[in-house]
Amino acid sequence: MSILIPAALDLHLPAMRPTALELIQALGREESEIAEIAAIVRLDPVLTGRVLAYANSPFLMPLRPITDVQDAIIRMGRKEFQKIFYFTVLHDAFSSPNPEHETILRQLWAQSLGTSVAVELLQMHLGPYFRLTQEEFAVLTPLAALHTIGFLVLLHNFPDAFGQMLTPPPASMPELMERQQQLFGGWDHTLAGANLLRAWYFPELAVHCTENLLSPPPDADHVRMLLRLGTYMAIQAGMSFFPDAPPDFWTTPLPKGFDPSLLLDLIPQVTSTVEVYGGIWDENGL
């Protein structure tokens, strides 16, 4: 049975929360005030609940209960709030009433969460190895969360073909990419994701990293290097959607003087941190 291929991708994703794009744009503006961001969050009861749950969680250990969204964002800090926002958006977007699609999407959600946590740990413990400009630092958190967002674009545009992507399971990354391009009229998740981020007014740095994530970066591209190493750590922690790849697929190149064993030392922290984050969404049905 032939598949109807649209001439262009529809980038209006119905699975995204109504306030998502408004918040993405507000967070992308350095001049946005906390009060403006909090006002948008209050329009979304689920996001409000998760922000307050995180602000009162063992991660932050407030001296008194936090019940106001603006107070919660101030307590968390802009970067930490940005991370929780993207986790919330993806947790809900990577879901489907179709059981076949749901299986794929939950694996993608796990990989996004695992990669985000791994990238944060890399910055925290091994930051001196990675030289980031202010712009690179600003895009890293959303990129770590959104690096698989292109799959949502493919599902929205090609729902009938989406389940065929893993039947039978691809044996390698090149096979997965080739199958996507065959099923989706030349599109794959990296190209679809890059187009979506451009439509969302992300800087070209973010668009370029998303489109080229699967290619080894030049030595100076520490954003893509961190994203690839974070993906590798998520894979090692058992949170990967991607098929098996050679050991050096994700870890080439490495910063000068970097010991790869340092990555494996952080894997237990990836696992334990993801479990705590998961509790924020599972507790009380949030």
C-alpha atoms as a PDB file:
ATOM      1  CA  MET A   1       0.000   0.000   0.000  1.00  0.00           C
ATOM      2  CA  SER A   2       1.503   3.334  -1.041  1.00  0.00           C
ATOM      3  CA  ILE A   3       1.897   6.120   1.507  1.00  0.00           C
ATOM      4  CA  LEU A   4       0.781   9.643   0.677  1.00  0.00           C
ATOM      5  CA  ILE A   5       3.772  11.951   1.154  1.00  0.00           C
ATOM      6  CA  PRO A   6       2.916  15.614   1.855  1.00  0.00           C
ATOM      7  CA  ALA A   7       4.930  18.194  -0.043  1.00  0.00           C
ATOM      8  CA  ALA A   8       6.007  19.857   3.203  1.00  0.00           C
ATOM      9  CA  LEU A   9       5.859  19.026   6.877  1.00  0.00           C
ATOM     10  CA  ASP A  10       3.048  20.303   9.092  1.00  0.00           C
ATOM     11  CA  LEU A  11       4.896  21.686  12.114  1.00  0.00           C
ATOM     12  CA  HIS A  12       1.810  22.471  14.220  1.00  0.00           C
ATOM     13  CA  LEU A  13       1.942  19.589  16.677  1.00  0.00           C
ATOM     14  CA  PRO A  14      -1.423  18.922  18.365  1.00  0.00           C
ATOM     15  CA  ALA A  15       0.345  16.952  21.114  1.00  0.00           C
ATOM     16  CA  MET A  16       2.096  20.078  22.404  1.00  0.00           C
ATOM     17  CA  ARG A  17       0.586  21.890  25.379  1.00  0.00           C
ATOM     18  CA  PRO A  18      -1.298  25.111  24.427  1.00  0.00           C
ATOM     19  CA  THR A  19       1.106  27.289  26.431  1.00  0.00           C
ATOM     20  CA  ALA A  20       4.243  25.558  25.142  1.00  0.00           C
ATOM     21  CA  LEU A  21       5.123  27.784  22.201  1.00  0.00           C
ATOM     22  CA  GLU A  22       4.390  30.953  24.173  1.00  0.00           C
ATOM     23  CA  LEU A  23       6.733  29.806  26.946  1.00  0.00           C
ATOM     24  CA  ILE A  24       9.411  28.652  24.488  1.00  0.00           C
ATOM     25  CA  GLN A  25       9.457  32.133  22.976  1.00  0.00           C
ATOM     26  CA  ALA A  26       9.458  33.850  26.370  1.00  0.00           C
ATOM     27  CA  LEU A  27      12.333  31.705  27.624  1.00  0.00           C
ATOM     28  CA  GLY A  28      14.270  32.460  24.453  1.00  0.00           C
ATOM     29  CA  ARG A  29      14.199  36.185  25.237  1.00  0.00           C
ATOM     30  CA  GLU A  30      16.805  37.181  27.817  1.00  0.00           C
ATOM     31  CA  GLU A  31      14.774  40.263  28.685  1.00  0.00           C
ATOM     32  CA  SER A  32      11.710  38.226  29.722  1.00  0.00           C
ATOM     33  CA  GLU A  33      10.855  38.888  33.356  1.00  0.00           C
ATOM     34  CA  ILE A  34      10.095  36.116  35.852  1.00  0.00           C
ATOM     35  CA  ALA A  35       6.644  37.651  36.389  1.00  0.00           C
ATOM     36  CA  GLU A  36       5.872  37.314  32.663  1.00  0.00           C
ATOM     37  CA  ILE A  37       6.979  33.678  32.635  1.00  0.00           C
ATOM     38  CA  ALA A  38       5.004  32.891  35.806  1.00  0.00           C
ATOM     39  CA  ALA A  39       1.848  34.456  34.316  1.00  0.00           C
ATOM     40  CA  ILE A  40       2.059  32.074  31.335  1.00  0.00           C
ATOM     41  CA  VAL A  41       2.676  29.067  33.589  1.00  0.00           C
ATOM     42  CA  ARG A  42      -0.438  29.877  35.650  1.00  0.00           C
ATOM     43  CA  LEU A  43      -2.543  29.383  32.512  1.00  0.00           C
ATOM     44  CA  ASP A  44      -1.563  25.696  32.532  1.00  0.00           C
ATOM     45  CA  PRO A  45      -2.754  23.823  35.664  1.00  0.00           C
ATOM     46  CA  VAL A  46      -0.645  20.720  34.965  1.00  0.00           C
ATOM     47  CA  LEU A  47       2.561  22.691  34.413  1.00  0.00           C
ATOM     48  CA  THR A  48       1.772  24.737  37.527  1.00  0.00           C
ATOM     49  CA  GLY A  49       1.443  21.535  39.552  1.00  0.00           C
ATOM     50  CA  ARG A  50       4.727  20.153  38.318  1.00  0.00           C
ATOM     51  CA  VAL A  51       6.619  23.382  38.908  1.00  0.00           C
ATOM     52  CA  LEU A  52       5.328  23.534  42.487  1.00  0.00           C
ATOM     53  CA  ALA A  53       6.014  19.816  43.010  1.00  0.00           C
ATOM     54  CA  TYR A  54       9.616  20.277  41.920  1.00  0.00           C
ATOM     55  CA  ALA A  55      10.096  23.452  43.952  1.00  0.00           C
ATOM     56  CA  ASN A  56       8.996  21.523  47.069  1.00  0.00           C
ATOM     57  CA  SER A  57      10.950  18.350  46.215  1.00  0.00           C
ATOM     58  CA  PRO A  58      14.107  17.006  47.894  1.00  0.00           C
ATOM     59  CA  PHE A  59      16.092  18.545  45.018  1.00  0.00           C
ATOM     60  CA  LEU A  60      15.575  22.043  46.427  1.00  0.00           C
ATOM     61  CA  MET A  61      14.585  21.357  50.059  1.00  0.00           C
ATOM     62  CA  PRO A  62      12.803  24.669  50.746  1.00  0.00           C
ATOM     63  CA  LEU A  63      12.635  25.845  54.354  1.00  0.00           C
ATOM     64  CA  ARG A  64       8.878  26.372  54.000  1.00  0.00           C
ATOM     65  CA  PRO A  65       6.278  25.094  51.505  1.00  0.00           C
ATOM     66  CA  ILE A  66       6.223  27.045  48.223  1.00  0.00           C
ATOM     67  CA  THR A  67       2.698  27.646  46.939  1.00  0.00           C
ATOM     68  CA  ASP A  68       3.172  30.471  44.410  1.00  0.00           C
ATOM     69  CA  VAL A  69       4.459  29.854  40.874  1.00  0.00           C
ATOM     70  CA  GLN A  70       6.594  32.991  40.768  1.00  0.00           C
ATOM     71  CA  ASP A  71       8.199  32.106  44.101  1.00  0.00           C
ATOM     72  CA  ALA A  72       8.831  28.604  42.765  1.00  0.00           C
ATOM     73  CA  ILE A  73      10.569  29.893  39.627  1.00  0.00           C
ATOM     74  CA  ILE A  74      12.710  32.272  41.673  1.00  0.00           C
ATOM     75  CA  ARG A  75      13.674  29.424  44.005  1.00  0.00           C
ATOM     76  CA  MET A  76      14.497  27.117  41.083  1.00  0.00           C
ATOM     77  CA  GLY A  77      16.305  29.664  38.943  1.00  0.00           C
ATOM     78  CA  ARG A  78      15.618  30.297  35.275  1.00  0.00           C
ATOM     79  CA  LYS A  79      17.806  27.456  33.955  1.00  0.00           C
ATOM     80  CA  GLU A  80      16.311  24.858  36.289  1.00  0.00           C
ATOM     81  CA  PHE A  81      12.770  26.025  35.487  1.00  0.00           C
ATOM     82  CA  GLN A  82      13.540  25.796  31.772  1.00  0.00           C
ATOM     83  CA  LYS A  83      14.572  22.185  32.236  1.00  0.00           C
ATOM     84  CA  ILE A  84      11.399  21.258  34.153  1.00  0.00           C
ATOM     85  CA  PHE A  85       9.280  23.015  31.534  1.00  0.00           C
ATOM     86  CA  TYR A  86      10.781  21.029  28.673  1.00  0.00           C
ATOM     87  CA  PHE A  87      10.491  17.786  30.628  1.00  0.00           C
ATOM     88  CA  THR A  88       6.795  18.501  31.195  1.00  0.00           C
ATOM     89  CA  VAL A  89       6.145  19.352  27.549  1.00  0.00           C
ATOM     90  CA  LEU A  90       7.850  16.194  26.331  1.00  0.00           C
ATOM     91  CA  HIS A  91       6.407  13.910  29.009  1.00  0.00           C
ATOM     92  CA  ASP A  92       2.916  14.718  27.769  1.00  0.00           C
ATOM     93  CA  ALA A  93       3.736  15.062  24.058  1.00  0.00           C
ATOM     94  CA  PHE A  94       5.492  11.694  23.847  1.00  0.00           C
ATOM     95  CA  SER A  95       2.258   9.802  24.448  1.00  0.00           C
ATOM     96  CA  SER A  96      -0.393   8.273  22.199  1.00  0.00           C
ATOM     97  CA  PRO A  97      -3.633   6.265  22.512  1.00  0.00           C
ATOM     98  CA  ASN A  98      -2.213   3.964  19.824  1.00  0.00           C
ATOM     99  CA  PRO A  99      -0.382   1.180  21.748  1.00  0.00           C
ATOM    100  CA  GLU A 100       2.228   0.697  19.028  1.00  0.00           C
ATOM    101  CA  HIS A 101       3.013   4.397  18.918  1.00  0.00           C
ATOM    102  CA  GLU A 102       2.907   4.683  22.716  1.00  0.00           C
ATOM    103  CA  THR A 103       5.686   2.095  23.080  1.00  0.00           C
ATOM    104  CA  ILE A 104       7.946   4.052  20.745  1.00  0.00           C
ATOM    105  CA  LEU A 105       7.128   7.431  22.279  1.00  0.00           C
ATOM    106  CA  ARG A 106       7.770   6.362  25.869  1.00  0.00           C
ATOM    107  CA  GLN A 107      11.198   5.075  24.815  1.00  0.00           C
ATOM    108  CA  LEU A 108      11.900   8.446  23.214  1.00  0.00           C
ATOM    109  CA  TRP A 109      10.777  10.249  26.378  1.00  0.00           C
ATOM    110  CA  ALA A 110      13.121   8.109  28.469  1.00  0.00           C
ATOM    111  CA  GLN A 111      16.035   8.870  26.153  1.00  0.00           C
ATOM    112  CA  SER A 112      15.321  12.613  26.232  1.00  0.00           C
ATOM    113  CA  LEU A 113      15.171  12.621  30.028  1.00  0.00           C
ATOM    114  CA  GLY A 114      18.288  10.449  30.378  1.00  0.00           C
ATOM    115  CA  THR A 115      20.278  12.557  27.930  1.00  0.00           C
ATOM    116  CA  SER A 116      19.254  15.788  29.659  1.00  0.00           C
ATOM    117  CA  VAL A 117      20.313  14.483  33.053  1.00  0.00           C
ATOM    118  CA  ALA A 118      23.596  13.162  31.639  1.00  0.00           C
ATOM    119  CA  VAL A 119      24.447  16.476  29.968  1.00  0.00           C
ATOM    120  CA  GLU A 120      23.786  18.300  33.227  1.00  0.00           C
ATOM    121  CA  LEU A 121      26.068  15.910  35.121  1.00  0.00           C
ATOM    122  CA  LEU A 122      28.783  16.319  32.492  1.00  0.00           C
ATOM    123  CA  GLN A 123      28.663  20.087  32.932  1.00  0.00           C
ATOM    124  CA  MET A 124      28.652  19.777  36.717  1.00  0.00           C
ATOM    125  CA  HIS A 125      31.521  17.304  37.104  1.00  0.00           C
ATOM    126  CA  LEU A 126      33.560  17.652  33.923  1.00  0.00           C
ATOM    127  CA  GLY A 127      32.797  21.221  32.888  1.00  0.00           C
ATOM    128  CA  PRO A 128      36.437  22.370  32.431  1.00  0.00           C
ATOM    129  CA  TYR A 129      36.798  20.001  29.472  1.00  0.00           C
ATOM    130  CA  PHE A 130      34.030  21.806  27.568  1.00  0.00           C
ATOM    131  CA  ARG A 131      34.400  25.462  26.560  1.00  0.00           C
ATOM    132  CA  LEU A 132      30.989  26.990  25.913  1.00  0.00           C
ATOM    133  CA  THR A 133      30.101  30.503  24.831  1.00  0.00           C
ATOM    134  CA  GLN A 134      27.147  32.235  26.473  1.00  0.00           C
ATOM    135  CA  GLU A 135      24.931  31.391  23.482  1.00  0.00           C
ATOM    136  CA  GLU A 136      26.005  27.747  23.532  1.00  0.00           C
ATOM    137  CA  PHE A 137      25.341  27.477  27.249  1.00  0.00           C
ATOM    138  CA  ALA A 138      21.863  28.965  26.745  1.00  0.00           C
ATOM    139  CA  VAL A 139      20.800  26.445  24.075  1.00  0.00           C
ATOM    140  CA  LEU A 140      22.277  23.328  25.676  1.00  0.00           C
ATOM    141  CA  THR A 141      19.473  22.626  28.167  1.00  0.00           C
ATOM    142  CA  PRO A 142      16.605  22.826  25.641  1.00  0.00           C
ATOM    143  CA  LEU A 143      18.623  20.923  23.034  1.00  0.00           C
ATOM    144  CA  ALA A 144      19.301  18.037  25.406  1.00  0.00           C
ATOM    145  CA  ALA A 145      15.567  17.734  26.056  1.00  0.00           C
ATOM    146  CA  LEU A 146      14.440  18.299  22.462  1.00  0.00           C
ATOM    147  CA  HIS A 147      16.978  16.260  20.492  1.00  0.00           C
ATOM    148  CA  THR A 148      14.335  13.616  19.645  1.00  0.00           C
ATOM    149  CA  ILE A 149      11.473  16.075  18.962  1.00  0.00           C
ATOM    150  CA  GLY A 150      11.672  15.321  15.234  1.00  0.00           C
ATOM    151  CA  PHE A 151      10.009  11.959  15.865  1.00  0.00           C
ATOM    152  CA  LEU A 152       6.852  13.803  16.966  1.00  0.00           C
ATOM    153  CA  VAL A 153       6.883  15.711  13.690  1.00  0.00           C
ATOM    154  CA  LEU A 154       7.185  12.445  11.750  1.00  0.00           C
ATOM    155  CA  LEU A 155       4.349  10.850  13.737  1.00  0.00           C
ATOM    156  CA  HIS A 156       2.087  13.851  13.142  1.00  0.00           C
ATOM    157  CA  ASN A 157       2.758  13.898   9.393  1.00  0.00           C
ATOM    158  CA  PHE A 158       3.008  10.150   8.726  1.00  0.00           C
ATOM    159  CA  PRO A 159       0.856   8.356  11.347  1.00  0.00           C
ATOM    160  CA  ASP A 160       0.186   5.299   9.186  1.00  0.00           C
ATOM    161  CA  ALA A 161       3.862   4.729   8.415  1.00  0.00           C
ATOM    162  CA  PHE A 162       5.264   5.594  11.852  1.00  0.00           C
ATOM    163  CA  GLY A 163       4.839   2.125  13.352  1.00  0.00           C
ATOM    164  CA  GLN A 164       6.703   0.556  10.432  1.00  0.00           C
ATOM    165  CA  MET A 165       9.877   2.392  11.445  1.00  0.00           C
ATOM    166  CA  LEU A 166      10.830  -0.371  13.905  1.00  0.00           C
ATOM    167  CA  THR A 167       9.385  -3.388  12.060  1.00  0.00           C
ATOM    168  CA  PRO A 168      11.619  -5.314  12.042  1.00  0.00           C
ATOM    169  CA  PRO A 169      13.892  -3.572  14.582  1.00  0.00           C
ATOM    170  CA  PRO A 170      16.755  -1.837  12.743  1.00  0.00           C
ATOM    171  CA  ALA A 171      20.159  -3.313  13.464  1.00  0.00           C
ATOM    172  CA  SER A 172      22.103  -0.048  13.308  1.00  0.00           C
ATOM    173  CA  MET A 173      21.779   3.722  13.275  1.00  0.00           C
ATOM    174  CA  PRO A 174      22.373   3.937   9.495  1.00  0.00           C
ATOM    175  CA  GLU A 175      19.605   1.389   8.951  1.00  0.00           C
ATOM    176  CA  LEU A 176      17.209   3.370  11.169  1.00  0.00           C
ATOM    177  CA  MET A 177      17.952   6.595   9.297  1.00  0.00           C
ATOM    178  CA  GLU A 178      17.607   4.956   5.885  1.00  0.00           C
ATOM    179  CA  ARG A 179      14.288   3.406   6.871  1.00  0.00           C
ATOM    180  CA  GLN A 180      12.973   6.784   8.051  1.00  0.00           C
ATOM    181  CA  GLN A 181      13.900   8.401   4.759  1.00  0.00           C
ATOM    182  CA  GLN A 182      12.202   5.608   2.809  1.00  0.00           C
ATOM    183  CA  LEU A 183       9.003   5.732   4.875  1.00  0.00           C
ATOM    184  CA  PHE A 184       8.769   9.485   5.264  1.00  0.00           C
ATOM    185  CA  GLY A 185       9.539  10.803   1.799  1.00  0.00           C
ATOM    186  CA  GLY A 186      13.167  11.686   2.436  1.00  0.00           C
ATOM    187  CA  TRP A 187      12.577  13.084   5.933  1.00  0.00           C
ATOM    188  CA  ASP A 188      14.220  11.738   9.065  1.00  0.00           C
ATOM    189  CA  HIS A 189      13.941  12.830  12.680  1.00  0.00           C
ATOM    190  CA  THR A 190      17.040  15.059  12.576  1.00  0.00           C
ATOM    191  CA  LEU A 191      15.820  17.055   9.572  1.00  0.00           C
ATOM    192  CA  ALA A 192      12.259  17.204  10.919  1.00  0.00           C
ATOM    193  CA  GLY A 193      13.486  18.337  14.340  1.00  0.00           C
ATOM    194  CA  ALA A 194      15.733  21.003  12.838  1.00  0.00           C
ATOM    195  CA  ASN A 195      12.826  22.381  10.797  1.00  0.00           C
ATOM    196  CA  LEU A 196      10.631  22.502  13.905  1.00  0.00           C
ATOM    197  CA  LEU A 197      13.242  24.354  15.978  1.00  0.00           C
ATOM    198  CA  ARG A 198      13.684  26.871  13.169  1.00  0.00           C
ATOM    199  CA  ALA A 199       9.900  27.399  13.083  1.00  0.00           C
ATOM    200  CA  TRP A 200      10.027  27.931  16.853  1.00  0.00           C
ATOM    201  CA  TYR A 201      12.669  30.663  16.370  1.00  0.00           C
ATOM    202  CA  PHE A 202      15.529  28.777  17.997  1.00  0.00           C
ATOM    203  CA  PRO A 203      18.958  30.148  17.030  1.00  0.00           C
ATOM    204  CA  GLU A 204      20.670  28.553  14.038  1.00  0.00           C
ATOM    205  CA  LEU A 205      23.204  27.009  16.418  1.00  0.00           C
ATOM    206  CA  ALA A 206      20.419  24.842  17.861  1.00  0.00           C
ATOM    207  CA  VAL A 207      19.036  24.021  14.411  1.00  0.00           C
ATOM    208  CA  HIS A 208      22.485  22.981  13.147  1.00  0.00           C
ATOM    209  CA  CYS A 209      23.204  20.783  16.190  1.00  0.00           C
ATOM    210  CA  THR A 210      19.855  18.996  15.851  1.00  0.00           C
ATOM    211  CA  GLU A 211      20.287  18.344  12.134  1.00  0.00           C
ATOM    212  CA  ASN A 212      23.861  17.072  12.533  1.00  0.00           C
ATOM    213  CA  LEU A 213      23.692  15.281  15.883  1.00  0.00           C
ATOM    214  CA  LEU A 214      24.520  11.889  14.392  1.00  0.00           C
ATOM    215  CA  SER A 215      27.720  13.138  12.706  1.00  0.00           C
ATOM    216  CA  PRO A 216      31.014  13.476  14.622  1.00  0.00           C
ATOM    217  CA  PRO A 217      31.493  17.173  15.406  1.00  0.00           C
ATOM    218  CA  PRO A 218      34.670  19.186  14.876  1.00  0.00           C
ATOM    219  CA  ASP A 219      36.847  19.483  17.960  1.00  0.00           C
ATOM    220  CA  ALA A 220      35.561  22.987  18.718  1.00  0.00           C
ATOM    221  CA  ASP A 221      31.855  22.046  18.643  1.00  0.00           C
ATOM    222  CA  HIS A 222      31.452  21.308  22.339  1.00  0.00           C
ATOM    223  CA  VAL A 223      27.653  21.637  22.299  1.00  0.00           C
ATOM    224  CA  ARG A 224      27.228  18.751  19.867  1.00  0.00           C
ATOM    225  CA  MET A 225      29.988  16.855  21.669  1.00  0.00           C
ATOM    226  CA  LEU A 226      28.128  17.174  24.991  1.00  0.00           C
ATOM    227  CA  LEU A 227      24.820  16.108  23.411  1.00  0.00           C
ATOM    228  CA  ARG A 228      26.407  13.037  21.852  1.00  0.00           C
ATOM    229  CA  LEU A 229      28.174  12.073  25.079  1.00  0.00           C
ATOM    230  CA  GLY A 230      24.927  12.584  26.998  1.00  0.00           C
ATOM    231  CA  THR A 231      23.158  10.286  24.544  1.00  0.00           C
ATOM    232  CA  TYR A 232      25.885   7.684  25.022  1.00  0.00           C
ATOM    233  CA  MET A 233      25.448   7.858  28.800  1.00  0.00           C
ATOM    234  CA  ALA A 234      21.668   7.480  28.475  1.00  0.00           C
ATOM    235  CA  ILE A 235      22.269   4.397  26.314  1.00  0.00           C
ATOM    236  CA  GLN A 236      24.625   2.937  28.913  1.00  0.00           C
ATOM    237  CA  ALA A 237      22.003   3.611  31.590  1.00  0.00           C
ATOM    238  CA  GLY A 238      19.421   1.626  29.602  1.00  0.00           C
ATOM    239  CA  MET A 239      17.386   4.643  28.486  1.00  0.00           C
ATOM    240  CA  SER A 240      17.933   4.511  24.743  1.00  0.00           C
ATOM    241  CA  PHE A 241      15.515   4.381  21.850  1.00  0.00           C
ATOM    242  CA  PHE A 242      18.300   4.198  19.277  1.00  0.00           C
ATOM    243  CA  PRO A 243      19.635   0.822  18.043  1.00  0.00           C
ATOM    244  CA  ASP A 244      23.077  -0.453  18.967  1.00  0.00           C
ATOM    245  CA  ALA A 245      26.057   1.420  17.585  1.00  0.00           C
ATOM    246  CA  PRO A 246      29.827   0.801  17.663  1.00  0.00           C
ATOM    247  CA  PRO A 247      31.402   1.810  20.993  1.00  0.00           C
ATOM    248  CA  ASP A 248      32.985   4.942  19.523  1.00  0.00           C
ATOM    249  CA  PHE A 249      29.936   6.086  17.508  1.00  0.00           C
ATOM    250  CA  TRP A 250      28.811   8.584  20.171  1.00  0.00           C
ATOM    251  CA  THR A 251      32.174   9.219  21.852  1.00  0.00           C
ATOM    252  CA  THR A 252      34.196  10.472  18.879  1.00  0.00           C
ATOM    253  CA  PRO A 253      35.775  12.929  19.190  1.00  0.00           C
ATOM    254  CA  LEU A 254      36.548  13.579  22.850  1.00  0.00           C
ATOM    255  CA  PRO A 255      38.055  16.731  24.359  1.00  0.00           C
ATOM    256  CA  LYS A 256      41.832  16.700  24.635  1.00  0.00           C
ATOM    257  CA  GLY A 257      42.962  14.791  27.728  1.00  0.00           C
ATOM    258  CA  PHE A 258      39.484  13.405  28.433  1.00  0.00           C
ATOM    259  CA  ASP A 259      39.371   9.928  30.011  1.00  0.00           C
ATOM    260  CA  PRO A 260      36.315   7.989  28.679  1.00  0.00           C
ATOM    261  CA  SER A 261      36.062   6.053  31.943  1.00  0.00           C
ATOM    262  CA  LEU A 262      34.853   9.290  33.543  1.00  0.00           C
ATOM    263  CA  LEU A 263      31.590   8.860  31.619  1.00  0.00           C
ATOM    264  CA  LEU A 264      30.917   5.428  33.068  1.00  0.00           C
ATOM    265  CA  ASP A 265      31.600   6.706  36.591  1.00  0.00           C
ATOM    266  CA  LEU A 266      28.583   9.031  36.206  1.00  0.00           C
ATOM    267  CA  ILE A 267      26.121   6.405  34.922  1.00  0.00           C
ATOM    268  CA  PRO A 268      24.767   5.463  38.408  1.00  0.00           C
ATOM    269  CA  GLN A 269      24.006   9.153  39.028  1.00  0.00           C
ATOM    270  CA  VAL A 270      22.126   9.354  35.723  1.00  0.00           C
ATOM    271  CA  THR A 271      19.947   6.430  36.776  1.00  0.00           C
ATOM    272  CA  SER A 272      19.233   7.696  40.296  1.00  0.00           C
ATOM    273  CA  THR A 273      18.537  11.274  39.162  1.00  0.00           C
ATOM    274  CA  VAL A 274      16.125  10.116  36.454  1.00  0.00           C
ATOM    275  CA  GLU A 275      14.245   8.069  39.057  1.00  0.00           C
ATOM    276  CA  VAL A 276      13.797  11.152  41.245  1.00  0.00           C
ATOM    277  CA  TYR A 277      12.666  13.276  38.301  1.00  0.00           C
ATOM    278  CA  GLY A 278      10.229  10.547  37.277  1.00  0.00           C
ATOM    279  CA  GLY A 279       8.625  10.738  40.690  1.00  0.00           C
ATOM    280  CA  ILE A 280       7.706  14.381  40.088  1.00  0.00           C
ATOM    281  CA  TRP A 281       5.437  13.319  37.225  1.00  0.00           C
ATOM    282  CA  ASP A 282       4.152  10.103  38.741  1.00  0.00           C
ATOM    283  CA  GLU A 283       3.297  11.412  42.211  1.00  0.00           C
ATOM    284  CA  ASN A 284      -0.369  12.293  42.597  1.00  0.00           C
ATOM    285  CA  GLY A 285      -0.917  11.810  38.856  1.00  0.00           C
ATOM    286  CA  LEU A 286       1.003  14.949  37.877  1.00  0.00           C
END
